């Protein structure tokens, strides 16, 4: 009986260990930012400081500000050639190129069909995903033609976060996490069991909860805890199996071992 209990304990601990993903700290450096937006494949760091959007490289730092539009509500640099900034006070989106020059300005107040926008993220080609609060659905909006290409079915609970890559868009609400393809069709929907923020990593997700970070595998729909030291996570970002965690004035870089 004693041997059986020991065997069960070993099997149980082994199964639990498989539900964790380890990380290795590579670097920790100082960064004074109000909000970390992301890091690209060339190690350029995108962040917001004093309502100014910044792109910092080893050579220089570029700046973009538009104080007439109020505070920057959100920013997305997934496509560094078509960065999008959202100013909710004026219901306006600015598209920037990799030198932070304006490519497009979309004022949804003066659009042909008024749209009350609360969240945006990057789409493919010349598109952005926008959440239309009045109709409670996502739209894939072409910022060159000023037309909506696709719409999703409305959702019924409060939106918490929105993230994307070129193939998928994930919408997090109080009740559910939704995944859509680039035609606006629902791929899957799972209950929100404490998720607060999202970041896409290829076809999968890094999800923040009140207890830390978890890795969500979209293919087999499994969740694994990401083991990091006890950190007060302000923002996080993932690129090429590298996990970046921003705490107060420090940016930590971890090797993420998901395999």
C-alpha atoms as a PDB file:
ATOM      1  CA  UNK A   1       0.000   0.000   0.000  1.00  0.00           C
ATOM      2  CA  UNK A   2       2.826   2.330   0.900  1.00  0.00           C
ATOM      3  CA  UNK A   3       4.567   1.613  -2.427  1.00  0.00           C
ATOM      4  CA  UNK A   4       1.332   2.317  -4.286  1.00  0.00           C
ATOM      5  CA  UNK A   5       0.951   5.695  -2.569  1.00  0.00           C
ATOM      6  CA  UNK A   6       4.542   6.620  -3.437  1.00  0.00           C
ATOM      7  CA  UNK A   7       3.942   5.623  -7.072  1.00  0.00           C
ATOM      8  CA  UNK A   8       0.747   7.690  -7.250  1.00  0.00           C
ATOM      9  CA  UNK A   9       2.520  10.696  -5.732  1.00  0.00           C
ATOM     10  CA  UNK A  10       5.328  10.394  -8.288  1.00  0.00           C
ATOM     11  CA  UNK A  11       2.912  10.137 -11.213  1.00  0.00           C
ATOM     12  CA  UNK A  12       0.902  13.075  -9.896  1.00  0.00           C
ATOM     13  CA  UNK A  13       3.976  15.291  -9.489  1.00  0.00           C
ATOM     14  CA  UNK A  14       5.226  14.321 -12.962  1.00  0.00           C
ATOM     15  CA  UNK A  15       1.906  15.260 -14.558  1.00  0.00           C
ATOM     16  CA  UNK A  16       1.892  18.556 -12.709  1.00  0.00           C
ATOM     17  CA  UNK A  17       5.439  19.329 -13.855  1.00  0.00           C
ATOM     18  CA  UNK A  18       4.326  18.833 -17.452  1.00  0.00           C
ATOM     19  CA  UNK A  19       1.785  21.608 -16.936  1.00  0.00           C
ATOM     20  CA  UNK A  20       4.555  24.165 -16.370  1.00  0.00           C
ATOM     21  CA  UNK A  21       6.782  26.010 -18.815  1.00  0.00           C
ATOM     22  CA  UNK A  22      10.226  27.025 -17.654  1.00  0.00           C
ATOM     23  CA  UNK A  23      11.967  30.290 -18.448  1.00  0.00           C
ATOM     24  CA  UNK A  24      15.593  31.354 -18.299  1.00  0.00           C
ATOM     25  CA  UNK A  25      16.520  34.963 -17.573  1.00  0.00           C
ATOM     26  CA  UNK A  26      18.735  36.283 -20.357  1.00  0.00           C
ATOM     27  CA  UNK A  27      18.964  39.980 -19.557  1.00  0.00           C
ATOM     28  CA  UNK A  28      17.533  42.651 -17.297  1.00  0.00           C
ATOM     29  CA  UNK A  29      17.928  46.313 -18.132  1.00  0.00           C
ATOM     30  CA  UNK A  30      16.589  49.692 -17.116  1.00  0.00           C
ATOM     31  CA  UNK A  31      13.682  51.145 -19.084  1.00  0.00           C
ATOM     32  CA  UNK A  32      11.700  54.172 -18.022  1.00  0.00           C
ATOM     33  CA  UNK A  33       8.372  53.965 -19.826  1.00  0.00           C
ATOM     34  CA  UNK A  34       4.719  54.497 -19.096  1.00  0.00           C
ATOM     35  CA  UNK A  35       3.780  51.568 -21.309  1.00  0.00           C
ATOM     36  CA  UNK A  36       5.780  48.915 -23.155  1.00  0.00           C
ATOM     37  CA  UNK A  37       4.288  48.322 -26.607  1.00  0.00           C
ATOM     38  CA  UNK A  38       6.650  45.675 -27.965  1.00  0.00           C
ATOM     39  CA  UNK A  39      10.030  44.564 -29.277  1.00  0.00           C
ATOM     40  CA  UNK A  40      10.579  43.594 -32.920  1.00  0.00           C
ATOM     41  CA  UNK A  41      12.865  41.018 -34.531  1.00  0.00           C
ATOM     42  CA  UNK A  42      15.669  43.596 -34.742  1.00  0.00           C
ATOM     43  CA  UNK A  43      15.515  44.355 -30.990  1.00  0.00           C
ATOM     44  CA  UNK A  44      13.909  47.760 -31.491  1.00  0.00           C
ATOM     45  CA  UNK A  45      11.862  48.666 -28.423  1.00  0.00           C
ATOM     46  CA  UNK A  46       8.513  50.436 -28.811  1.00  0.00           C
ATOM     47  CA  UNK A  47       7.057  52.227 -25.816  1.00  0.00           C
ATOM     48  CA  UNK A  48       5.060  55.235 -24.645  1.00  0.00           C
ATOM     49  CA  UNK A  49       6.512  57.909 -22.394  1.00  0.00           C
ATOM     50  CA  UNK A  50       4.768  61.188 -21.508  1.00  0.00           C
ATOM     51  CA  UNK A  51       2.126  60.540 -24.179  1.00  0.00           C
ATOM     52  CA  UNK A  52       4.842  60.232 -26.843  1.00  0.00           C
ATOM     53  CA  UNK A  53       5.276  57.056 -28.853  1.00  0.00           C
ATOM     54  CA  UNK A  54       8.947  56.025 -29.091  1.00  0.00           C
ATOM     55  CA  UNK A  55      11.014  53.573 -31.081  1.00  0.00           C
ATOM     56  CA  UNK A  56      14.418  52.973 -29.500  1.00  0.00           C
ATOM     57  CA  UNK A  57      17.271  51.131 -31.237  1.00  0.00           C
ATOM     58  CA  UNK A  58      20.972  50.820 -30.501  1.00  0.00           C
ATOM     59  CA  UNK A  59      21.554  53.755 -32.876  1.00  0.00           C
ATOM     60  CA  UNK A  60      18.837  56.265 -32.043  1.00  0.00           C
ATOM     61  CA  UNK A  61      15.351  56.952 -30.690  1.00  0.00           C
ATOM     62  CA  UNK A  62      12.473  58.121 -32.872  1.00  0.00           C
ATOM     63  CA  UNK A  63       9.473  59.971 -31.455  1.00  0.00           C
ATOM     64  CA  UNK A  64       5.885  60.601 -32.490  1.00  0.00           C
ATOM     65  CA  UNK A  65       3.423  62.768 -30.598  1.00  0.00           C
ATOM     66  CA  UNK A  66       0.027  64.252 -31.418  1.00  0.00           C
ATOM     67  CA  UNK A  67      -1.158  66.041 -28.306  1.00  0.00           C
ATOM     68  CA  UNK A  68      -4.161  67.499 -30.118  1.00  0.00           C
ATOM     69  CA  UNK A  69      -5.720  64.041 -30.064  1.00  0.00           C
ATOM     70  CA  UNK A  70      -5.372  63.616 -26.301  1.00  0.00           C
ATOM     71  CA  UNK A  71      -3.841  60.594 -24.591  1.00  0.00           C
ATOM     72  CA  UNK A  72      -2.696  57.506 -26.486  1.00  0.00           C
ATOM     73  CA  UNK A  73      -5.159  54.797 -25.451  1.00  0.00           C
ATOM     74  CA  UNK A  74      -3.351  51.883 -27.074  1.00  0.00           C
ATOM     75  CA  UNK A  75      -0.578  51.119 -29.550  1.00  0.00           C
ATOM     76  CA  UNK A  76       0.356  48.089 -31.615  1.00  0.00           C
ATOM     77  CA  UNK A  77       3.676  47.503 -33.375  1.00  0.00           C
ATOM     78  CA  UNK A  78       3.176  43.894 -34.514  1.00  0.00           C
ATOM     79  CA  UNK A  79       3.711  45.154 -38.074  1.00  0.00           C
ATOM     80  CA  UNK A  80       6.533  47.658 -37.675  1.00  0.00           C
ATOM     81  CA  UNK A  81       5.801  49.087 -41.142  1.00  0.00           C
ATOM     82  CA  UNK A  82       2.198  49.896 -40.193  1.00  0.00           C
ATOM     83  CA  UNK A  83       2.142  50.752 -36.502  1.00  0.00           C
ATOM     84  CA  UNK A  84      -1.238  51.817 -35.171  1.00  0.00           C
ATOM     85  CA  UNK A  85      -1.984  54.274 -32.375  1.00  0.00           C
ATOM     86  CA  UNK A  86      -5.490  54.677 -30.962  1.00  0.00           C
ATOM     87  CA  UNK A  87      -6.730  57.915 -29.397  1.00  0.00           C
ATOM     88  CA  UNK A  88     -10.101  57.099 -27.839  1.00  0.00           C
ATOM     89  CA  UNK A  89     -10.875  60.700 -26.763  1.00  0.00           C
ATOM     90  CA  UNK A  90     -11.163  61.634 -30.441  1.00  0.00           C
ATOM     91  CA  UNK A  91     -12.173  58.202 -31.754  1.00  0.00           C
ATOM     92  CA  UNK A  92      -9.154  58.338 -34.072  1.00  0.00           C
ATOM     93  CA  UNK A  93      -6.473  55.922 -35.274  1.00  0.00           C
ATOM     94  CA  UNK A  94      -3.041  56.973 -36.600  1.00  0.00           C
ATOM     95  CA  UNK A  95      -1.003  54.616 -38.795  1.00  0.00           C
ATOM     96  CA  UNK A  96       2.795  55.095 -38.742  1.00  0.00           C
ATOM     97  CA  UNK A  97       5.611  53.658 -40.839  1.00  0.00           C
ATOM     98  CA  UNK A  98       8.897  52.320 -39.455  1.00  0.00           C
ATOM     99  CA  UNK A  99      10.288  55.878 -39.235  1.00  0.00           C
ATOM    100  CA  UNK A 100       7.192  56.972 -37.268  1.00  0.00           C
ATOM    101  CA  UNK A 101       5.910  59.116 -40.114  1.00  0.00           C
ATOM    102  CA  UNK A 102       2.136  59.259 -40.567  1.00  0.00           C
ATOM    103  CA  UNK A 103       0.782  56.918 -43.231  1.00  0.00           C
ATOM    104  CA  UNK A 104      -2.908  57.391 -42.514  1.00  0.00           C
ATOM    105  CA  UNK A 105      -5.312  59.073 -40.113  1.00  0.00           C
ATOM    106  CA  UNK A 106      -8.766  57.550 -39.543  1.00  0.00           C
ATOM    107  CA  UNK A 107     -11.283  59.758 -37.780  1.00  0.00           C
ATOM    108  CA  UNK A 108     -14.249  57.505 -37.054  1.00  0.00           C
ATOM    109  CA  UNK A 109     -16.328  60.499 -35.936  1.00  0.00           C
ATOM    110  CA  UNK A 110     -16.386  61.844 -39.486  1.00  0.00           C
ATOM    111  CA  UNK A 111     -16.458  58.485 -41.254  1.00  0.00           C
ATOM    112  CA  UNK A 112     -19.224  57.717 -43.743  1.00  0.00           C
ATOM    113  CA  UNK A 113     -20.756  55.403 -41.149  1.00  0.00           C
ATOM    114  CA  UNK A 114     -19.958  56.616 -37.626  1.00  0.00           C
ATOM    115  CA  UNK A 115     -18.209  54.008 -35.488  1.00  0.00           C
ATOM    116  CA  UNK A 116     -17.764  54.171 -31.720  1.00  0.00           C
ATOM    117  CA  UNK A 117     -14.435  52.369 -31.262  1.00  0.00           C
ATOM    118  CA  UNK A 118     -13.027  51.080 -27.964  1.00  0.00           C
ATOM    119  CA  UNK A 119     -10.268  48.623 -29.008  1.00  0.00           C
ATOM    120  CA  UNK A 120      -8.056  48.169 -32.078  1.00  0.00           C
ATOM    121  CA  UNK A 121      -5.274  45.862 -33.213  1.00  0.00           C
ATOM    122  CA  UNK A 122      -3.304  45.038 -36.369  1.00  0.00           C
ATOM    123  CA  UNK A 123      -4.797  43.130 -39.311  1.00  0.00           C
ATOM    124  CA  UNK A 124      -3.242  41.842 -42.527  1.00  0.00           C
ATOM    125  CA  UNK A 125      -2.516  43.971 -45.577  1.00  0.00           C
ATOM    126  CA  UNK A 126      -3.947  47.496 -45.075  1.00  0.00           C
ATOM    127  CA  UNK A 127      -6.412  46.541 -42.355  1.00  0.00           C
ATOM    128  CA  UNK A 128      -6.958  46.934 -38.642  1.00  0.00           C
ATOM    129  CA  UNK A 129      -9.331  45.082 -36.356  1.00  0.00           C
ATOM    130  CA  UNK A 130     -11.667  47.468 -34.531  1.00  0.00           C
ATOM    131  CA  UNK A 131     -14.251  46.767 -31.846  1.00  0.00           C
ATOM    132  CA  UNK A 132     -17.478  48.658 -32.514  1.00  0.00           C
ATOM    133  CA  UNK A 133     -18.983  49.335 -29.112  1.00  0.00           C
ATOM    134  CA  UNK A 134     -22.423  50.362 -30.418  1.00  0.00           C
ATOM    135  CA  UNK A 135     -22.964  47.083 -32.261  1.00  0.00           C
ATOM    136  CA  UNK A 136     -20.671  44.979 -30.008  1.00  0.00           C
ATOM    137  CA  UNK A 137     -18.785  43.262 -32.805  1.00  0.00           C
ATOM    138  CA  UNK A 138     -15.351  43.259 -34.423  1.00  0.00           C
ATOM    139  CA  UNK A 139     -14.794  44.745 -37.857  1.00  0.00           C
ATOM    140  CA  UNK A 140     -11.854  44.172 -40.164  1.00  0.00           C
ATOM    141  CA  UNK A 141     -11.449  47.726 -41.433  1.00  0.00           C
ATOM    142  CA  UNK A 142      -9.440  48.717 -44.519  1.00  0.00           C
ATOM    143  CA  UNK A 143      -7.843  52.063 -43.653  1.00  0.00           C
ATOM    144  CA  UNK A 144      -7.054  52.859 -47.298  1.00  0.00           C
ATOM    145  CA  UNK A 145     -10.511  52.323 -48.774  1.00  0.00           C
ATOM    146  CA  UNK A 146     -12.213  53.349 -45.492  1.00  0.00           C
ATOM    147  CA  UNK A 147     -14.462  50.308 -45.815  1.00  0.00           C
ATOM    148  CA  UNK A 148     -15.221  47.358 -43.541  1.00  0.00           C
ATOM    149  CA  UNK A 149     -14.274  44.048 -45.143  1.00  0.00           C
ATOM    150  CA  UNK A 150     -15.749  41.642 -42.582  1.00  0.00           C
ATOM    151  CA  UNK A 151     -17.754  41.696 -39.359  1.00  0.00           C
ATOM    152  CA  UNK A 152     -18.058  39.156 -36.567  1.00  0.00           C
ATOM    153  CA  UNK A 153     -21.172  38.062 -34.702  1.00  0.00           C
ATOM    154  CA  UNK A 154     -21.880  40.415 -31.731  1.00  0.00           C
ATOM    155  CA  UNK A 155     -20.658  39.505 -28.244  1.00  0.00           C
ATOM    156  CA  UNK A 156     -22.616  40.169 -25.082  1.00  0.00           C
ATOM    157  CA  UNK A 157     -20.081  40.913 -22.336  1.00  0.00           C
ATOM    158  CA  UNK A 158     -17.559  43.670 -21.625  1.00  0.00           C
ATOM    159  CA  UNK A 159     -14.380  43.636 -23.742  1.00  0.00           C
ATOM    160  CA  UNK A 160     -11.127  43.448 -21.786  1.00  0.00           C
ATOM    161  CA  UNK A 161      -8.440  43.062 -24.453  1.00  0.00           C
ATOM    162  CA  UNK A 162      -7.762  42.489 -28.134  1.00  0.00           C
ATOM    163  CA  UNK A 163      -4.695  41.048 -29.860  1.00  0.00           C
ATOM    164  CA  UNK A 164      -3.855  39.587 -33.267  1.00  0.00           C
ATOM    165  CA  UNK A 165      -1.416  38.311 -35.827  1.00  0.00           C
ATOM    166  CA  UNK A 166      -1.860  38.201 -39.604  1.00  0.00           C
ATOM    167  CA  UNK A 167      -4.045  35.084 -39.492  1.00  0.00           C
ATOM    168  CA  UNK A 168      -6.110  35.391 -36.313  1.00  0.00           C
ATOM    169  CA  UNK A 169      -7.646  37.890 -33.953  1.00  0.00           C
ATOM    170  CA  UNK A 170      -8.405  37.155 -30.281  1.00  0.00           C
ATOM    171  CA  UNK A 171     -11.065  39.035 -28.347  1.00  0.00           C
ATOM    172  CA  UNK A 172     -11.148  38.752 -24.554  1.00  0.00           C
ATOM    173  CA  UNK A 173     -14.374  39.576 -22.714  1.00  0.00           C
ATOM    174  CA  UNK A 174     -15.517  39.170 -19.127  1.00  0.00           C
ATOM    175  CA  UNK A 175     -17.107  35.837 -19.994  1.00  0.00           C
ATOM    176  CA  UNK A 176     -15.209  34.342 -22.932  1.00  0.00           C
ATOM    177  CA  UNK A 177     -12.065  34.328 -25.045  1.00  0.00           C
ATOM    178  CA  UNK A 178     -12.932  34.331 -28.771  1.00  0.00           C
ATOM    179  CA  UNK A 179     -10.619  33.466 -31.657  1.00  0.00           C
ATOM    180  CA  UNK A 180     -11.505  34.616 -35.205  1.00  0.00           C
ATOM    181  CA  UNK A 181      -9.836  34.032 -38.556  1.00  0.00           C
ATOM    182  CA  UNK A 182      -9.178  36.892 -40.993  1.00  0.00           C
ATOM    183  CA  UNK A 183     -12.636  36.429 -42.542  1.00  0.00           C
ATOM    184  CA  UNK A 184     -14.234  37.199 -39.180  1.00  0.00           C
ATOM    185  CA  UNK A 185     -15.392  33.593 -38.672  1.00  0.00           C
ATOM    186  CA  UNK A 186     -15.261  32.135 -35.176  1.00  0.00           C
ATOM    187  CA  UNK A 187     -12.517  29.505 -34.797  1.00  0.00           C
ATOM    188  CA  UNK A 188     -13.041  28.698 -31.117  1.00  0.00           C
ATOM    189  CA  UNK A 189     -14.499  30.124 -27.933  1.00  0.00           C
ATOM    190  CA  UNK A 190     -13.491  29.224 -24.373  1.00  0.00           C
ATOM    191  CA  UNK A 191     -14.662  30.470 -20.956  1.00  0.00           C
ATOM    192  CA  UNK A 192     -12.685  33.251 -19.306  1.00  0.00           C
ATOM    193  CA  UNK A 193     -11.419  31.675 -16.091  1.00  0.00           C
ATOM    194  CA  UNK A 194      -9.551  34.720 -14.814  1.00  0.00           C
ATOM    195  CA  UNK A 195      -7.803  36.041 -17.934  1.00  0.00           C
ATOM    196  CA  UNK A 196      -7.039  39.782 -17.925  1.00  0.00           C
ATOM    197  CA  UNK A 197      -4.605  40.462 -20.833  1.00  0.00           C
ATOM    198  CA  UNK A 198      -3.467  38.713 -24.025  1.00  0.00           C
ATOM    199  CA  UNK A 199      -0.430  38.557 -26.279  1.00  0.00           C
ATOM    200  CA  UNK A 200      -0.232  36.441 -29.429  1.00  0.00           C
ATOM    201  CA  UNK A 201       2.798  34.264 -30.093  1.00  0.00           C
ATOM    202  CA  UNK A 202       2.469  32.696 -33.543  1.00  0.00           C
ATOM    203  CA  UNK A 203      -0.877  30.826 -33.426  1.00  0.00           C
ATOM    204  CA  UNK A 204      -0.890  30.605 -29.616  1.00  0.00           C
ATOM    205  CA  UNK A 205      -1.308  32.993 -26.691  1.00  0.00           C
ATOM    206  CA  UNK A 206       0.413  34.235 -23.583  1.00  0.00           C
ATOM    207  CA  UNK A 207      -2.351  35.120 -21.128  1.00  0.00           C
ATOM    208  CA  UNK A 208      -2.069  37.179 -17.955  1.00  0.00           C
ATOM    209  CA  UNK A 209      -4.106  36.300 -14.891  1.00  0.00           C
ATOM    210  CA  UNK A 210      -4.032  37.664 -11.359  1.00  0.00           C
ATOM    211  CA  UNK A 211      -1.609  34.852 -10.469  1.00  0.00           C
ATOM    212  CA  UNK A 212       0.881  35.299 -13.323  1.00  0.00           C
ATOM    213  CA  UNK A 213       1.219  34.162 -16.944  1.00  0.00           C
ATOM    214  CA  UNK A 214      -0.017  31.062 -18.731  1.00  0.00           C
ATOM    215  CA  UNK A 215       0.717  29.637 -22.184  1.00  0.00           C
ATOM    216  CA  UNK A 216      -2.354  28.684 -24.206  1.00  0.00           C
ATOM    217  CA  UNK A 217      -1.844  26.202 -27.035  1.00  0.00           C
ATOM    218  CA  UNK A 218      -4.595  26.855 -29.583  1.00  0.00           C
ATOM    219  CA  UNK A 219      -4.110  23.538 -31.391  1.00  0.00           C
ATOM    220  CA  UNK A 220      -4.807  21.225 -28.466  1.00  0.00           C
ATOM    221  CA  UNK A 221      -6.457  23.919 -26.271  1.00  0.00           C
ATOM    222  CA  UNK A 222      -4.226  23.302 -23.266  1.00  0.00           C
ATOM    223  CA  UNK A 223      -2.999  25.770 -20.669  1.00  0.00           C
ATOM    224  CA  UNK A 224       0.377  25.682 -18.925  1.00  0.00           C
ATOM    225  CA  UNK A 225       1.712  27.946 -16.217  1.00  0.00           C
ATOM    226  CA  UNK A 226       4.800  29.971 -17.171  1.00  0.00           C
ATOM    227  CA  UNK A 227       7.315  29.824 -14.346  1.00  0.00           C
ATOM    228  CA  UNK A 228       8.896  33.183 -13.606  1.00  0.00           C
ATOM    229  CA  UNK A 229      10.066  34.707 -10.371  1.00  0.00           C
ATOM    230  CA  UNK A 230       7.416  36.600  -8.447  1.00  0.00           C
ATOM    231  CA  UNK A 231       7.202  39.750 -10.535  1.00  0.00           C
ATOM    232  CA  UNK A 232       4.717  42.588 -10.536  1.00  0.00           C
ATOM    233  CA  UNK A 233       4.011  42.436 -14.277  1.00  0.00           C
ATOM    234  CA  UNK A 234       3.143  45.788 -15.795  1.00  0.00           C
ATOM    235  CA  UNK A 235       3.308  44.685 -19.439  1.00  0.00           C
ATOM    236  CA  UNK A 236       4.565  41.615 -21.286  1.00  0.00           C
ATOM    237  CA  UNK A 237       5.401  40.781 -24.877  1.00  0.00           C
ATOM    238  CA  UNK A 238       6.572  37.726 -26.820  1.00  0.00           C
ATOM    239  CA  UNK A 239       8.619  37.432 -30.012  1.00  0.00           C
ATOM    240  CA  UNK A 240      10.579  34.450 -31.360  1.00  0.00           C
ATOM    241  CA  UNK A 241      10.302  32.405 -28.146  1.00  0.00           C
ATOM    242  CA  UNK A 242      11.552  35.369 -26.110  1.00  0.00           C
ATOM    243  CA  UNK A 243       9.327  36.622 -23.306  1.00  0.00           C
ATOM    244  CA  UNK A 244       9.740  40.260 -22.278  1.00  0.00           C
ATOM    245  CA  UNK A 245       8.304  41.364 -18.941  1.00  0.00           C
ATOM    246  CA  UNK A 246       8.206  45.012 -17.973  1.00  0.00           C
ATOM    247  CA  UNK A 247       8.039  45.872 -14.301  1.00  0.00           C
ATOM    248  CA  UNK A 248       8.612  49.240 -12.688  1.00  0.00           C
ATOM    249  CA  UNK A 249      11.566  50.755 -14.634  1.00  0.00           C
ATOM    250  CA  UNK A 250      13.027  47.362 -15.620  1.00  0.00           C
ATOM    251  CA  UNK A 251      12.683  45.199 -18.727  1.00  0.00           C
ATOM    252  CA  UNK A 252      13.481  41.505 -18.220  1.00  0.00           C
ATOM    253  CA  UNK A 253      14.192  39.189 -21.141  1.00  0.00           C
ATOM    254  CA  UNK A 254      13.488  35.439 -20.767  1.00  0.00           C
ATOM    255  CA  UNK A 255      14.059  32.445 -22.994  1.00  0.00           C
ATOM    256  CA  UNK A 256      10.669  30.740 -23.240  1.00  0.00           C
ATOM    257  CA  UNK A 257      10.788  26.942 -23.572  1.00  0.00           C
ATOM    258  CA  UNK A 258       7.385  25.853 -24.861  1.00  0.00           C
ATOM    259  CA  UNK A 259       8.424  22.552 -26.477  1.00  0.00           C
END
